[in-house]
Amino acid sequence: MKTAPRNRLIIIEFRTVAEDGYGGEIEVWAEYCRAYAAVYYGSGKEQREAAQVAGSQVASLEILSDSKSRAISVIDHRVSFDGGTWNITAKQDLGLNDGVRVTAIREAA
């Protein structure tokens, strides 16, 4: 299988806590890093299943491997691209020279 070019700029965001105006804490998302990714949208089967479950869309994004991409976690990170935010559901290290694959889902608004 031929690999797609990494031609889509994505933003990985990190969940952090900030102080609100009343001394309380609120959850905010801050930019963690930017990367160019090859984007693979879900297969026909995944798209049909996603449509049945509240209209969501699945995509896999492959980015270069570096210290930041290898530190991405499913819990504290999300992806911003294609006009929306995507919750990371899985991350796979493909190898130092091959990259990192992130699987993410975007809920329909």
C-alpha atoms as a PDB file:
ATOM      1  CA  MET A   1       0.000   0.000   0.000  1.00  0.00           C
ATOM      2  CA  LYS A   2       1.337   3.401  -0.961  1.00  0.00           C
ATOM      3  CA  THR A   3       1.505   5.896   1.879  1.00  0.00           C
ATOM      4  CA  ALA A   4      -0.224   9.248   1.606  1.00  0.00           C
ATOM      5  CA  PRO A   5       1.811  12.442   1.784  1.00  0.00           C
ATOM      6  CA  ARG A   6       1.955  14.285   5.087  1.00  0.00           C
ATOM      7  CA  ASN A   7       0.340  17.418   3.692  1.00  0.00           C
ATOM      8  CA  ARG A   8      -2.276  18.364   6.307  1.00  0.00           C
ATOM      9  CA  LEU A   9      -1.250  20.709   9.113  1.00  0.00           C
ATOM     10  CA  ILE A  10      -2.760  19.556  12.401  1.00  0.00           C
ATOM     11  CA  ILE A  11      -2.554  20.977  15.905  1.00  0.00           C
ATOM     12  CA  ILE A  12      -2.179  18.674  18.890  1.00  0.00           C
ATOM     13  CA  GLU A  13      -3.680  20.229  22.005  1.00  0.00           C
ATOM     14  CA  PHE A  14      -2.975  19.430  25.656  1.00  0.00           C
ATOM     15  CA  ARG A  15      -5.497  19.563  28.486  1.00  0.00           C
ATOM     16  CA  THR A  16      -4.425  21.857  31.299  1.00  0.00           C
ATOM     17  CA  VAL A  17      -5.986  23.703  34.212  1.00  0.00           C
ATOM     18  CA  ALA A  18      -6.259  27.483  34.536  1.00  0.00           C
ATOM     19  CA  GLU A  19      -7.631  29.742  37.231  1.00  0.00           C
ATOM     20  CA  ASP A  20     -10.936  31.438  36.559  1.00  0.00           C
ATOM     21  CA  GLY A  21     -11.762  34.948  37.764  1.00  0.00           C
ATOM     22  CA  TYR A  22     -13.125  33.615  41.062  1.00  0.00           C
ATOM     23  CA  GLY A  23     -10.115  31.590  42.192  1.00  0.00           C
ATOM     24  CA  GLY A  24     -11.500  28.309  40.912  1.00  0.00           C
ATOM     25  CA  GLU A  25      -9.987  26.000  38.365  1.00  0.00           C
ATOM     26  CA  ILE A  26     -11.249  25.428  34.841  1.00  0.00           C
ATOM     27  CA  GLU A  27     -10.137  22.985  32.174  1.00  0.00           C
ATOM     28  CA  VAL A  28      -8.595  24.611  29.091  1.00  0.00           C
ATOM     29  CA  TRP A  29      -6.861  23.308  25.977  1.00  0.00           C
ATOM     30  CA  ALA A  30      -3.491  24.720  24.943  1.00  0.00           C
ATOM     31  CA  GLU A  31      -1.442  24.085  21.827  1.00  0.00           C
ATOM     32  CA  TYR A  32       1.059  21.288  22.409  1.00  0.00           C
ATOM     33  CA  CYS A  33       2.607  21.076  18.939  1.00  0.00           C
ATOM     34  CA  ARG A  34       1.929  21.367  15.223  1.00  0.00           C
ATOM     35  CA  ALA A  35       2.695  18.643  12.730  1.00  0.00           C
ATOM     36  CA  TYR A  36       2.071  17.689   9.135  1.00  0.00           C
ATOM     37  CA  ALA A  37       0.018  14.520   8.889  1.00  0.00           C
ATOM     38  CA  ALA A  38      -1.170  11.999   6.359  1.00  0.00           C
ATOM     39  CA  VAL A  39      -4.896  11.673   7.003  1.00  0.00           C
ATOM     40  CA  TYR A  40      -6.871   8.485   6.392  1.00  0.00           C
ATOM     41  CA  TYR A  41     -10.615   8.768   6.967  1.00  0.00           C
ATOM     42  CA  GLY A  42     -12.520   5.745   8.236  1.00  0.00           C
ATOM     43  CA  SER A  43     -13.396   2.880   5.934  1.00  0.00           C
ATOM     44  CA  GLY A  44     -16.906   2.429   4.622  1.00  0.00           C
ATOM     45  CA  LYS A  45     -17.738   0.043   7.471  1.00  0.00           C
ATOM     46  CA  GLU A  46     -16.408   2.470  10.095  1.00  0.00           C
ATOM     47  CA  GLN A  47     -18.350   5.315   8.486  1.00  0.00           C
ATOM     48  CA  ARG A  48     -21.602   3.312   8.555  1.00  0.00           C
ATOM     49  CA  GLU A  49     -21.044   2.347  12.192  1.00  0.00           C
ATOM     50  CA  ALA A  50     -20.181   5.935  13.123  1.00  0.00           C
ATOM     51  CA  ALA A  51     -23.313   7.230  11.395  1.00  0.00           C
ATOM     52  CA  GLN A  52     -25.409   4.881  13.508  1.00  0.00           C
ATOM     53  CA  VAL A  53     -23.795   6.109  16.714  1.00  0.00           C
ATOM     54  CA  ALA A  54     -24.607   9.831  16.872  1.00  0.00           C
ATOM     55  CA  GLY A  55     -23.022  10.779  13.553  1.00  0.00           C
ATOM     56  CA  SER A  56     -19.311  10.645  14.305  1.00  0.00           C
ATOM     57  CA  GLN A  57     -16.358  10.482  11.931  1.00  0.00           C
ATOM     58  CA  VAL A  58     -13.150   8.483  12.414  1.00  0.00           C
ATOM     59  CA  ALA A  59      -9.720   9.337  11.029  1.00  0.00           C
ATOM     60  CA  SER A  60      -6.181   8.039  11.407  1.00  0.00           C
ATOM     61  CA  LEU A  61      -3.384  10.583  11.265  1.00  0.00           C
ATOM     62  CA  GLU A  62       0.243   9.635  10.705  1.00  0.00           C
ATOM     63  CA  ILE A  63       2.875  12.132  11.794  1.00  0.00           C
ATOM     64  CA  LEU A  64       6.641  12.062  12.068  1.00  0.00           C
ATOM     65  CA  SER A  65       8.080  10.496  15.178  1.00  0.00           C
ATOM     66  CA  ASP A  66       9.797  12.880  17.583  1.00  0.00           C
ATOM     67  CA  SER A  67       9.865  13.375  21.333  1.00  0.00           C
ATOM     68  CA  LYS A  68       6.571  15.303  21.345  1.00  0.00           C
ATOM     69  CA  SER A  69       4.637  12.929  19.095  1.00  0.00           C
ATOM     70  CA  ARG A  70       5.816   9.907  21.075  1.00  0.00           C
ATOM     71  CA  ALA A  71       4.551  11.582  24.299  1.00  0.00           C
ATOM     72  CA  ILE A  72       0.986  12.056  23.035  1.00  0.00           C
ATOM     73  CA  SER A  73      -1.536  10.357  25.308  1.00  0.00           C
ATOM     74  CA  VAL A  74      -5.128   9.321  24.765  1.00  0.00           C
ATOM     75  CA  ILE A  75      -6.215  10.989  28.004  1.00  0.00           C
ATOM     76  CA  ASP A  76      -4.661  14.464  27.909  1.00  0.00           C
ATOM     77  CA  HIS A  77      -4.429  15.277  24.195  1.00  0.00           C
ATOM     78  CA  ARG A  78      -6.755  15.988  21.292  1.00  0.00           C
ATOM     79  CA  VAL A  79      -6.321  16.991  17.644  1.00  0.00           C
ATOM     80  CA  SER A  80      -7.572  20.114  15.914  1.00  0.00           C
ATOM     81  CA  PHE A  81      -7.881  20.013  12.114  1.00  0.00           C
ATOM     82  CA  ASP A  82     -10.421  19.971   9.294  1.00  0.00           C
ATOM     83  CA  GLY A  83     -12.560  22.589  11.026  1.00  0.00           C
ATOM     84  CA  GLY A  84     -13.078  20.748  14.299  1.00  0.00           C
ATOM     85  CA  THR A  85     -11.618  19.029  17.307  1.00  0.00           C
ATOM     86  CA  TRP A  86     -11.040  15.294  17.359  1.00  0.00           C
ATOM     87  CA  ASN A  87     -10.792  13.149  20.503  1.00  0.00           C
ATOM     88  CA  ILE A  88      -7.878  10.741  20.393  1.00  0.00           C
ATOM     89  CA  THR A  89      -8.989   7.144  20.872  1.00  0.00           C
ATOM     90  CA  ALA A  90      -5.727   5.316  20.122  1.00  0.00           C
ATOM     91  CA  LYS A  91      -2.026   5.969  19.522  1.00  0.00           C
ATOM     92  CA  GLN A  92       0.482   3.639  17.952  1.00  0.00           C
ATOM     93  CA  ASP A  93       4.235   4.125  17.605  1.00  0.00           C
ATOM     94  CA  LEU A  94       5.150   2.884  14.138  1.00  0.00           C
ATOM     95  CA  GLY A  95       8.904   3.075  14.709  1.00  0.00           C
ATOM     96  CA  LEU A  96      11.459   5.833  14.987  1.00  0.00           C
ATOM     97  CA  ASN A  97      11.744   6.332  11.231  1.00  0.00           C
ATOM     98  CA  ASP A  98       8.133   5.484  10.412  1.00  0.00           C
ATOM     99  CA  GLY A  99       6.159   7.838  12.643  1.00  0.00           C
ATOM    100  CA  VAL A 100       3.242   7.815  15.032  1.00  0.00           C
ATOM    101  CA  ARG A 101      -0.349   6.935  14.122  1.00  0.00           C
ATOM    102  CA  VAL A 102      -3.150   8.610  16.044  1.00  0.00           C
ATOM    103  CA  THR A 103      -6.742   7.465  15.659  1.00  0.00           C
ATOM    104  CA  ALA A 104      -9.302  10.130  16.488  1.00  0.00           C
ATOM    105  CA  ILE A 105     -13.046  10.644  16.346  1.00  0.00           C
ATOM    106  CA  ARG A 106     -15.043  13.802  15.711  1.00  0.00           C
ATOM    107  CA  GLU A 107     -18.627  14.009  16.870  1.00  0.00           C
ATOM    108  CA  ALA A 108     -21.129  15.639  14.553  1.00  0.00           C
ATOM    109  CA  ALA A 109     -22.302  19.008  15.787  1.00  0.00           C
END
